[in-house]
Amino acid sequence: MSVQGLLYVIAVILLVLAALPIGTRGISLALLGAAFALLAYSWDTITA
């Protein structure tokens, strides 16, 4: 699996966890998932 694929998998897992009714202190799983999704989307540009 490529790095980009791994980042997308992490983003999906974080977004699913953010949808669950669990409390996290200090960090927003939805924002972290969105950040990983954007990183995965732009991975080719970053590493070019």
C-alpha atoms as a PDB file:
ATOM      1  CA  MET A   1       0.000   0.000   0.000  1.00  0.00           C
ATOM      2  CA  SER A   2       1.295   3.425  -0.874  1.00  0.00           C
ATOM      3  CA  VAL A   3       1.765   6.252   1.589  1.00  0.00           C
ATOM      4  CA  GLN A   4      -1.144   8.094   0.019  1.00  0.00           C
ATOM      5  CA  GLY A   5      -3.406   5.077   0.490  1.00  0.00           C
ATOM      6  CA  LEU A   6      -2.320   4.722   4.102  1.00  0.00           C
ATOM      7  CA  LEU A   7      -3.097   8.383   4.777  1.00  0.00           C
ATOM      8  CA  TYR A   8      -6.576   7.955   3.287  1.00  0.00           C
ATOM      9  CA  VAL A   9      -7.188   4.891   5.494  1.00  0.00           C
ATOM     10  CA  ILE A  10      -6.122   6.846   8.586  1.00  0.00           C
ATOM     11  CA  ALA A  11      -8.402   9.723   7.561  1.00  0.00           C
ATOM     12  CA  VAL A  12     -11.397   7.414   7.150  1.00  0.00           C
ATOM     13  CA  ILE A  13     -10.765   5.753  10.512  1.00  0.00           C
ATOM     14  CA  LEU A  14     -10.508   9.135  12.246  1.00  0.00           C
ATOM     15  CA  LEU A  15     -13.687  10.412  10.607  1.00  0.00           C
ATOM     16  CA  VAL A  16     -15.581   7.267  11.620  1.00  0.00           C
ATOM     17  CA  LEU A  17     -14.315   7.626  15.188  1.00  0.00           C
ATOM     18  CA  ALA A  18     -15.375  11.285  15.163  1.00  0.00           C
ATOM     19  CA  ALA A  19     -18.931  10.239  14.284  1.00  0.00           C
ATOM     20  CA  LEU A  20     -19.159   7.990  17.341  1.00  0.00           C
ATOM     21  CA  PRO A  21     -20.489   9.478  20.582  1.00  0.00           C
ATOM     22  CA  ILE A  22     -17.185   9.344  22.448  1.00  0.00           C
ATOM     23  CA  GLY A  23     -15.546  12.275  24.153  1.00  0.00           C
ATOM     24  CA  THR A  24     -11.997  13.251  23.319  1.00  0.00           C
ATOM     25  CA  ARG A  25     -10.208  15.936  25.267  1.00  0.00           C
ATOM     26  CA  GLY A  26      -8.137  18.536  23.532  1.00  0.00           C
ATOM     27  CA  ILE A  27      -8.245  17.216  19.960  1.00  0.00           C
ATOM     28  CA  SER A  28     -11.028  17.078  17.433  1.00  0.00           C
ATOM     29  CA  LEU A  29     -10.980  13.772  15.586  1.00  0.00           C
ATOM     30  CA  ALA A  30     -13.004  15.288  12.744  1.00  0.00           C
ATOM     31  CA  LEU A  31     -10.446  18.050  12.175  1.00  0.00           C
ATOM     32  CA  LEU A  32      -7.592  15.581  12.453  1.00  0.00           C
ATOM     33  CA  GLY A  33      -9.310  13.290   9.937  1.00  0.00           C
ATOM     34  CA  ALA A  34      -9.856  16.202   7.570  1.00  0.00           C
ATOM     35  CA  ALA A  35      -6.195  17.161   7.890  1.00  0.00           C
ATOM     36  CA  PHE A  36      -5.106  13.618   7.014  1.00  0.00           C
ATOM     37  CA  ALA A  37      -7.492  13.599   4.036  1.00  0.00           C
ATOM     38  CA  LEU A  38      -6.031  16.859   2.734  1.00  0.00           C
ATOM     39  CA  LEU A  39      -2.516  15.556   3.279  1.00  0.00           C
ATOM     40  CA  ALA A  40      -3.322  12.384   1.354  1.00  0.00           C
ATOM     41  CA  TYR A  41      -4.943  14.375  -1.446  1.00  0.00           C
ATOM     42  CA  SER A  42      -1.909  16.622  -1.854  1.00  0.00           C
ATOM     43  CA  TRP A  43       0.732  13.928  -1.240  1.00  0.00           C
ATOM     44  CA  ASP A  44       1.806  13.789  -4.906  1.00  0.00           C
ATOM     45  CA  THR A  45       2.331  17.555  -4.980  1.00  0.00           C
ATOM     46  CA  ILE A  46       4.233  17.596  -1.693  1.00  0.00           C
ATOM     47  CA  THR A  47       6.611  14.816  -2.692  1.00  0.00           C
ATOM     48  CA  ALA A  48       7.146  15.991  -6.280  1.00  0.00           C
END
